[in-house]
């Protein structure tokens, strides 16, 4: 289990998410480069955090003035990758170590490649942050 240190700002965001939605967040990452806040919620809480038709995410976006992303936590790498890249269909993952760097190759359904990468590479950027934080993976390649 990775030890995560949260800033006071991240703890305030987690409290806000929990107050507004009732979902329990395990982690919060403020991605200032992409003007985004990533919430990692406990398994089974993603739907509650997102809300009916995304209503909770929309409300948080208005209150905080940042894009909001909700990812469901998973203990194992494969499940976490699937959660990050939802709704893209993941066909397989392969972890390769080269020169002391861990590179994760994610094979997606060819029809879902755009969904997996995300507009402007946003999904991949989120995946890089989360997989580095939880599994110490240095890079991700989508195939």
N, C-alpha and C. Protein backbone atom coordinates (compact mmCIF):
# COMPACT_ATOMS: atom_id res chain seq x y z
N UNK A 1 0.84 -1.20 0.00
CA UNK A 1 0.00 0.00 0.00
C UNK A 1 0.88 1.25 0.00
N UNK A 2 0.58 2.13 -0.89
CA UNK A 2 1.34 3.37 -1.03
C UNK A 2 0.85 4.37 0.01
N UNK A 3 1.79 5.05 0.64
CA UNK A 3 1.39 6.09 1.59
C UNK A 3 1.23 7.39 0.82
N UNK A 4 0.07 8.00 0.98
CA UNK A 4 -0.24 9.22 0.27
C UNK A 4 -0.36 10.37 1.26
N UNK A 5 0.33 11.44 0.97
CA UNK A 5 0.24 12.64 1.81
C UNK A 5 -0.62 13.65 1.07
N UNK A 6 -1.65 14.13 1.75
CA UNK A 6 -2.54 15.11 1.14
C UNK A 6 -2.25 16.50 1.70
N UNK A 7 -2.36 17.50 0.82
CA UNK A 7 -2.21 18.88 1.27
C UNK A 7 -3.53 19.31 1.92
N UNK A 8 -3.50 20.44 2.62
CA UNK A 8 -4.73 20.97 3.24
C UNK A 8 -5.77 21.25 2.16
N UNK A 9 -5.32 21.76 1.02
CA UNK A 9 -6.23 22.05 -0.10
C UNK A 9 -6.92 20.76 -0.58
N UNK A 10 -6.13 19.69 -0.76
CA UNK A 10 -6.70 18.42 -1.22
C UNK A 10 -7.68 17.85 -0.19
N UNK A 11 -7.38 18.02 1.09
CA UNK A 11 -8.29 17.52 2.13
C UNK A 11 -9.59 18.31 2.11
N UNK A 12 -9.53 19.62 1.83
CA UNK A 12 -10.75 20.42 1.72
C UNK A 12 -11.60 19.93 0.54
N UNK A 13 -10.94 19.63 -0.58
CA UNK A 13 -11.67 19.14 -1.76
C UNK A 13 -12.34 17.80 -1.47
N UNK A 14 -11.64 16.92 -0.76
CA UNK A 14 -12.21 15.62 -0.40
C UNK A 14 -13.44 15.82 0.49
N UNK A 15 -13.33 16.72 1.48
CA UNK A 15 -14.45 16.99 2.38
C UNK A 15 -15.64 17.53 1.58
N UNK A 16 -15.37 18.41 0.63
CA UNK A 16 -16.43 18.98 -0.20
C UNK A 16 -17.12 17.89 -1.03
N UNK A 17 -16.32 17.03 -1.66
CA UNK A 17 -16.87 15.92 -2.45
C UNK A 17 -17.77 15.05 -1.57
N UNK A 18 -17.30 14.72 -0.37
CA UNK A 18 -18.05 13.85 0.52
C UNK A 18 -19.32 14.53 1.01
N UNK A 19 -19.25 15.84 1.29
CA UNK A 19 -20.44 16.57 1.74
C UNK A 19 -21.49 16.66 0.64
N UNK A 20 -21.05 16.93 -0.59
CA UNK A 20 -21.99 17.12 -1.69
C UNK A 20 -22.58 15.82 -2.20
N UNK A 21 -21.80 14.72 -2.15
CA UNK A 21 -22.22 13.50 -2.84
C UNK A 21 -22.44 12.30 -1.93
N UNK A 22 -21.81 12.29 -0.76
CA UNK A 22 -21.88 11.12 0.11
C UNK A 22 -20.88 10.05 -0.29
N UNK A 23 -20.14 10.26 -1.38
CA UNK A 23 -19.12 9.30 -1.82
C UNK A 23 -17.88 9.48 -0.95
N UNK A 24 -17.18 8.39 -0.70
CA UNK A 24 -15.97 8.44 0.11
C UNK A 24 -14.75 8.47 -0.82
N UNK A 25 -13.99 9.56 -0.71
CA UNK A 25 -12.78 9.70 -1.53
C UNK A 25 -11.58 9.21 -0.75
N UNK A 26 -10.73 8.44 -1.43
CA UNK A 26 -9.49 7.95 -0.82
C UNK A 26 -8.34 8.89 -1.10
N UNK A 27 -8.47 9.64 -2.19
CA UNK A 27 -7.35 10.46 -2.65
C UNK A 27 -7.88 11.60 -3.50
N UNK A 28 -7.09 12.64 -3.59
CA UNK A 28 -7.43 13.80 -4.40
C UNK A 28 -6.13 14.35 -4.95
N UNK A 29 -6.10 14.60 -6.25
CA UNK A 29 -4.90 15.13 -6.87
C UNK A 29 -5.29 16.40 -7.61
N UNK A 30 -4.61 17.49 -7.29
CA UNK A 30 -4.85 18.74 -7.99
C UNK A 30 -3.83 18.82 -9.13
N UNK A 31 -4.35 18.78 -10.35
CA UNK A 31 -3.52 18.82 -11.56
C UNK A 31 -3.63 20.23 -12.14
N UNK A 32 -2.77 21.12 -11.65
CA UNK A 32 -2.84 22.53 -12.09
C UNK A 32 -2.49 22.70 -13.55
N UNK A 33 -1.64 21.82 -14.09
CA UNK A 33 -1.27 21.92 -15.51
C UNK A 33 -2.49 21.82 -16.41
N UNK A 34 -3.44 20.97 -16.02
CA UNK A 34 -4.64 20.75 -16.83
C UNK A 34 -5.90 21.36 -16.20
N UNK A 35 -5.71 22.20 -15.16
CA UNK A 35 -6.84 22.83 -14.45
C UNK A 35 -7.89 21.79 -14.06
N UNK A 36 -7.42 20.73 -13.39
CA UNK A 36 -8.29 19.60 -13.11
C UNK A 36 -8.04 19.07 -11.70
N UNK A 37 -9.10 18.53 -11.11
CA UNK A 37 -8.98 17.83 -9.83
C UNK A 37 -9.41 16.39 -10.08
N UNK A 38 -8.56 15.46 -9.68
CA UNK A 38 -8.86 14.03 -9.84
C UNK A 38 -9.19 13.48 -8.45
N UNK A 39 -10.38 12.93 -8.34
CA UNK A 39 -10.78 12.27 -7.10
C UNK A 39 -10.69 10.77 -7.31
N UNK A 40 -10.06 10.08 -6.36
CA UNK A 40 -10.04 8.62 -6.37
C UNK A 40 -10.98 8.19 -5.26
N UNK A 41 -12.08 7.54 -5.65
CA UNK A 41 -13.11 7.16 -4.67
C UNK A 41 -13.04 5.67 -4.39
N UNK A 42 -13.61 5.28 -3.26
CA UNK A 42 -13.55 3.86 -2.89
C UNK A 42 -14.37 3.05 -3.89
N UNK A 43 -14.04 1.76 -4.03
CA UNK A 43 -14.76 0.91 -4.98
C UNK A 43 -16.28 0.95 -4.74
N UNK A 44 -17.03 1.16 -5.80
CA UNK A 44 -18.48 1.21 -5.71
C UNK A 44 -19.05 2.61 -5.54
N UNK A 45 -18.19 3.60 -5.32
CA UNK A 45 -18.68 4.96 -5.06
C UNK A 45 -18.61 5.90 -6.27
N UNK A 46 -18.11 5.43 -7.40
CA UNK A 46 -17.96 6.32 -8.55
C UNK A 46 -19.30 6.88 -9.01
N UNK A 47 -20.31 6.02 -9.09
CA UNK A 47 -21.63 6.46 -9.53
C UNK A 47 -22.20 7.54 -8.61
N UNK A 48 -22.06 7.33 -7.32
CA UNK A 48 -22.55 8.30 -6.34
C UNK A 48 -21.79 9.62 -6.48
N UNK A 49 -20.47 9.54 -6.68
CA UNK A 49 -19.66 10.76 -6.80
C UNK A 49 -20.01 11.53 -8.07
N UNK A 50 -20.25 10.82 -9.15
CA UNK A 50 -20.55 11.47 -10.43
C UNK A 50 -21.97 12.03 -10.43
N UNK A 51 -22.90 11.28 -9.86
CA UNK A 51 -24.28 11.75 -9.79
C UNK A 51 -25.07 11.39 -11.05
N UNK A 52 -26.39 11.49 -10.93
CA UNK A 52 -27.26 11.19 -12.06
C UNK A 52 -26.93 12.13 -13.22
N UNK A 53 -26.61 11.54 -14.35
CA UNK A 53 -26.22 12.29 -15.56
C UNK A 53 -25.10 13.30 -15.30
N UNK A 54 -24.22 12.97 -14.36
CA UNK A 54 -23.06 13.83 -14.09
C UNK A 54 -23.37 15.08 -13.29
N UNK A 55 -24.52 15.09 -12.60
CA UNK A 55 -24.95 16.31 -11.89
C UNK A 55 -23.97 16.73 -10.79
N UNK A 56 -23.42 15.77 -10.04
CA UNK A 56 -22.50 16.12 -8.96
C UNK A 56 -21.19 16.67 -9.50
N UNK A 57 -20.70 16.05 -10.57
CA UNK A 57 -19.46 16.53 -11.19
C UNK A 57 -19.67 17.95 -11.72
N UNK A 58 -20.82 18.19 -12.34
CA UNK A 58 -21.12 19.53 -12.88
C UNK A 58 -21.16 20.56 -11.75
N UNK A 59 -21.77 20.17 -10.63
CA UNK A 59 -21.86 21.09 -9.49
C UNK A 59 -20.46 21.39 -8.92
N UNK A 60 -19.64 20.35 -8.77
CA UNK A 60 -18.28 20.56 -8.28
C UNK A 60 -17.48 21.44 -9.24
N UNK A 61 -17.68 21.22 -10.53
CA UNK A 61 -16.98 22.02 -11.54
C UNK A 61 -17.34 23.50 -11.39
N UNK A 62 -18.62 23.76 -11.17
CA UNK A 62 -19.06 25.16 -10.98
C UNK A 62 -18.48 25.76 -9.70
N UNK A 63 -18.53 25.01 -8.61
CA UNK A 63 -18.06 25.51 -7.32
C UNK A 63 -16.55 25.76 -7.32
N UNK A 64 -15.80 24.82 -7.91
CA UNK A 64 -14.34 24.88 -7.83
C UNK A 64 -13.69 25.55 -9.05
N UNK A 65 -14.45 25.66 -10.15
CA UNK A 65 -13.89 26.29 -11.35
C UNK A 65 -12.81 25.47 -12.02
N UNK A 66 -12.85 24.16 -11.80
CA UNK A 66 -11.87 23.26 -12.42
C UNK A 66 -12.60 22.05 -12.99
N UNK A 67 -11.96 21.38 -13.96
CA UNK A 67 -12.51 20.12 -14.44
C UNK A 67 -12.41 19.10 -13.32
N UNK A 68 -13.37 18.21 -13.26
CA UNK A 68 -13.41 17.19 -12.21
C UNK A 68 -13.36 15.82 -12.87
N UNK A 69 -12.51 14.96 -12.34
CA UNK A 69 -12.47 13.59 -12.83
C UNK A 69 -12.60 12.67 -11.63
N UNK A 70 -13.44 11.64 -11.78
CA UNK A 70 -13.66 10.68 -10.70
C UNK A 70 -13.22 9.31 -11.18
N UNK A 71 -12.33 8.70 -10.43
CA UNK A 71 -11.81 7.36 -10.76
C UNK A 71 -12.06 6.47 -9.55
N UNK A 72 -12.54 5.27 -9.82
CA UNK A 72 -12.75 4.31 -8.74
C UNK A 72 -11.43 3.60 -8.44
N UNK A 73 -11.09 3.51 -7.17
CA UNK A 73 -9.84 2.87 -6.75
C UNK A 73 -9.91 1.36 -6.94
N UNK A 74 -8.75 0.77 -7.23
CA UNK A 74 -8.62 -0.70 -7.26
C UNK A 74 -7.22 -1.03 -6.73
N UNK A 75 -7.12 -2.16 -6.01
CA UNK A 75 -5.84 -2.58 -5.44
C UNK A 75 -4.86 -3.09 -6.48
N UNK A 76 -5.40 -3.73 -7.54
CA UNK A 76 -4.50 -4.34 -8.51
C UNK A 76 -4.40 -3.48 -9.77
N UNK A 77 -3.25 -3.58 -10.41
CA UNK A 77 -2.92 -2.74 -11.56
C UNK A 77 -3.95 -2.87 -12.69
N UNK A 78 -4.31 -4.09 -13.04
CA UNK A 78 -5.22 -4.29 -14.18
C UNK A 78 -6.57 -3.63 -13.95
N UNK A 79 -7.14 -3.81 -12.77
CA UNK A 79 -8.44 -3.21 -12.46
C UNK A 79 -8.35 -1.68 -12.43
N UNK A 80 -7.25 -1.17 -11.88
CA UNK A 80 -7.07 0.27 -11.81
C UNK A 80 -6.99 0.86 -13.22
N UNK A 81 -6.25 0.19 -14.11
CA UNK A 81 -6.14 0.65 -15.50
C UNK A 81 -7.52 0.66 -16.16
N UNK A 82 -8.29 -0.39 -15.94
CA UNK A 82 -9.64 -0.45 -16.51
C UNK A 82 -10.50 0.69 -15.98
N UNK A 83 -10.39 0.98 -14.68
CA UNK A 83 -11.17 2.07 -14.08
C UNK A 83 -10.77 3.43 -14.65
N UNK A 84 -9.48 3.63 -14.84
CA UNK A 84 -9.00 4.92 -15.36
C UNK A 84 -9.49 5.14 -16.79
N UNK A 85 -9.43 4.10 -17.60
CA UNK A 85 -9.73 4.26 -19.03
C UNK A 85 -11.19 4.01 -19.39
N UNK A 86 -12.04 3.72 -18.40
CA UNK A 86 -13.47 3.56 -18.69
C UNK A 86 -13.96 4.78 -19.45
N UNK A 87 -14.75 4.68 -20.49
CA UNK A 87 -15.47 3.53 -21.03
C UNK A 87 -14.72 2.75 -22.12
N UNK A 88 -13.45 3.09 -22.40
CA UNK A 88 -12.70 2.35 -23.42
C UNK A 88 -12.54 0.90 -22.98
N UNK A 89 -12.61 -0.01 -23.94
CA UNK A 89 -12.45 -1.44 -23.63
C UNK A 89 -10.97 -1.79 -23.68
N UNK A 90 -10.45 -2.27 -22.55
CA UNK A 90 -9.04 -2.65 -22.43
C UNK A 90 -8.93 -4.12 -22.81
N UNK A 91 -8.09 -4.41 -23.80
CA UNK A 91 -7.91 -5.80 -24.24
C UNK A 91 -6.77 -6.47 -23.48
N UNK A 92 -5.81 -5.68 -23.02
CA UNK A 92 -4.70 -6.26 -22.26
C UNK A 92 -3.74 -5.20 -21.80
N UNK A 93 -2.96 -5.55 -20.78
CA UNK A 93 -1.90 -4.65 -20.32
C UNK A 93 -0.63 -5.47 -20.17
N UNK A 94 0.50 -4.81 -20.40
CA UNK A 94 1.80 -5.47 -20.24
C UNK A 94 2.76 -4.48 -19.60
N UNK A 95 3.38 -4.89 -18.53
CA UNK A 95 4.34 -4.05 -17.82
C UNK A 95 5.74 -4.49 -18.20
N UNK A 96 6.53 -3.54 -18.70
CA UNK A 96 7.89 -3.84 -19.14
C UNK A 96 8.84 -2.95 -18.36
N UNK A 97 9.94 -3.55 -17.88
CA UNK A 97 10.96 -2.75 -17.21
C UNK A 97 12.15 -2.63 -18.12
N UNK A 98 12.50 -1.36 -18.42
CA UNK A 98 13.63 -1.11 -19.32
C UNK A 98 14.49 -0.02 -18.70
N UNK A 99 15.76 -0.30 -18.51
CA UNK A 99 16.70 0.67 -17.94
C UNK A 99 16.18 1.25 -16.62
N UNK A 100 15.61 0.41 -15.79
CA UNK A 100 15.12 0.84 -14.49
C UNK A 100 13.83 1.64 -14.53
N UNK A 101 13.22 1.74 -15.71
CA UNK A 101 11.94 2.46 -15.85
C UNK A 101 10.83 1.45 -16.12
N UNK A 102 9.69 1.67 -15.48
CA UNK A 102 8.53 0.80 -15.71
C UNK A 102 7.64 1.44 -16.76
N UNK A 103 7.40 0.71 -17.85
CA UNK A 103 6.55 1.20 -18.93
C UNK A 103 5.36 0.26 -19.05
N UNK A 104 4.17 0.83 -19.05
CA UNK A 104 2.95 0.04 -19.16
C UNK A 104 2.39 0.19 -20.56
N UNK A 105 2.23 -0.95 -21.24
CA UNK A 105 1.61 -0.95 -22.56
C UNK A 105 0.16 -1.36 -22.38
N UNK A 106 -0.76 -0.50 -22.81
CA UNK A 106 -2.18 -0.76 -22.67
C UNK A 106 -2.75 -0.97 -24.06
N UNK A 107 -3.28 -2.17 -24.31
CA UNK A 107 -3.89 -2.47 -25.60
C UNK A 107 -5.39 -2.26 -25.47
N UNK A 108 -5.93 -1.38 -26.33
CA UNK A 108 -7.35 -1.08 -26.29
C UNK A 108 -8.01 -1.52 -27.59
N UNK A 109 -9.32 -1.70 -27.52
CA UNK A 109 -10.10 -1.99 -28.71
C UNK A 109 -9.84 -0.87 -29.71
N UNK A 110 -9.52 -1.19 -30.97
CA UNK A 110 -9.20 -0.14 -31.95
C UNK A 110 -10.27 0.94 -32.06
N UNK A 111 -11.53 0.58 -31.88
CA UNK A 111 -12.62 1.57 -31.94
C UNK A 111 -12.61 2.52 -30.75
N UNK A 112 -11.92 2.14 -29.68
CA UNK A 112 -11.93 2.93 -28.44
C UNK A 112 -10.64 3.70 -28.21
N UNK A 113 -9.74 3.69 -29.20
CA UNK A 113 -8.44 4.33 -28.98
C UNK A 113 -8.59 5.81 -28.63
N UNK A 114 -9.49 6.51 -29.31
CA UNK A 114 -9.72 7.93 -29.02
C UNK A 114 -10.21 8.15 -27.60
N UNK A 115 -11.14 7.28 -27.16
CA UNK A 115 -11.66 7.38 -25.79
C UNK A 115 -10.54 7.15 -24.78
N UNK A 116 -9.65 6.21 -25.08
CA UNK A 116 -8.58 5.87 -24.14
C UNK A 116 -7.57 7.01 -24.02
N UNK A 117 -7.29 7.67 -25.13
CA UNK A 117 -6.31 8.77 -25.10
C UNK A 117 -6.94 10.02 -24.51
N UNK A 118 -8.20 10.27 -24.88
CA UNK A 118 -8.91 11.44 -24.38
C UNK A 118 -8.57 12.68 -25.18
N UNK A 119 -9.44 13.67 -25.11
CA UNK A 119 -9.24 14.92 -25.85
C UNK A 119 -7.92 15.56 -25.42
N UNK A 120 -7.04 15.76 -26.38
CA UNK A 120 -5.75 16.37 -26.07
C UNK A 120 -4.87 15.52 -25.16
N UNK A 121 -5.15 14.20 -25.11
CA UNK A 121 -4.34 13.31 -24.27
C UNK A 121 -4.65 13.39 -22.80
N UNK A 122 -5.84 13.93 -22.46
CA UNK A 122 -6.19 14.11 -21.04
C UNK A 122 -6.26 12.81 -20.25
N UNK A 123 -6.86 11.77 -20.85
CA UNK A 123 -7.00 10.49 -20.13
C UNK A 123 -5.64 9.90 -19.83
N UNK A 124 -4.75 9.97 -20.82
CA UNK A 124 -3.41 9.42 -20.64
C UNK A 124 -2.67 10.22 -19.57
N UNK A 125 -2.86 11.53 -19.55
CA UNK A 125 -2.21 12.37 -18.53
C UNK A 125 -2.69 11.96 -17.13
N UNK A 126 -4.00 11.74 -17.00
CA UNK A 126 -4.56 11.29 -15.71
C UNK A 126 -3.97 9.94 -15.33
N UNK A 127 -3.92 9.02 -16.30
CA UNK A 127 -3.38 7.68 -16.05
C UNK A 127 -1.93 7.76 -15.59
N UNK A 128 -1.14 8.62 -16.24
CA UNK A 128 0.27 8.76 -15.85
C UNK A 128 0.39 9.19 -14.39
N UNK A 129 -0.40 10.19 -14.00
CA UNK A 129 -0.35 10.69 -12.62
C UNK A 129 -0.72 9.59 -11.63
N UNK A 130 -1.87 8.93 -11.88
CA UNK A 130 -2.37 7.93 -10.93
C UNK A 130 -1.49 6.68 -10.87
N UNK A 131 -1.05 6.21 -12.03
CA UNK A 131 -0.27 4.97 -12.04
C UNK A 131 1.14 5.20 -11.49
N UNK A 132 1.65 6.41 -11.61
CA UNK A 132 2.95 6.74 -10.99
C UNK A 132 2.77 6.75 -9.46
N UNK A 133 1.68 7.35 -9.04
CA UNK A 133 1.42 7.51 -7.61
C UNK A 133 1.15 6.18 -6.91
N UNK A 134 0.39 5.30 -7.57
CA UNK A 134 -0.01 4.05 -6.91
C UNK A 134 0.85 2.84 -7.25
N UNK A 135 1.42 2.81 -8.45
CA UNK A 135 2.14 1.61 -8.88
C UNK A 135 3.57 1.91 -9.35
N UNK A 136 4.02 3.17 -9.19
CA UNK A 136 5.36 3.60 -9.58
C UNK A 136 5.69 3.28 -11.05
N UNK A 137 4.72 3.53 -11.92
CA UNK A 137 4.90 3.31 -13.35
C UNK A 137 5.34 4.64 -13.97
N UNK A 138 6.41 4.57 -14.77
CA UNK A 138 7.01 5.79 -15.31
C UNK A 138 6.36 6.29 -16.59
N UNK A 139 5.85 5.38 -17.41
CA UNK A 139 5.25 5.82 -18.68
C UNK A 139 4.15 4.85 -19.11
N UNK A 140 3.26 5.37 -19.95
CA UNK A 140 2.14 4.57 -20.46
C UNK A 140 2.09 4.73 -21.96
N UNK A 141 1.94 3.63 -22.65
CA UNK A 141 1.79 3.65 -24.11
C UNK A 141 0.46 2.98 -24.45
N UNK A 142 -0.33 3.66 -25.28
CA UNK A 142 -1.60 3.11 -25.72
C UNK A 142 -1.40 2.46 -27.07
N UNK A 143 -1.90 1.25 -27.21
CA UNK A 143 -1.77 0.55 -28.49
C UNK A 143 -3.15 0.21 -29.02
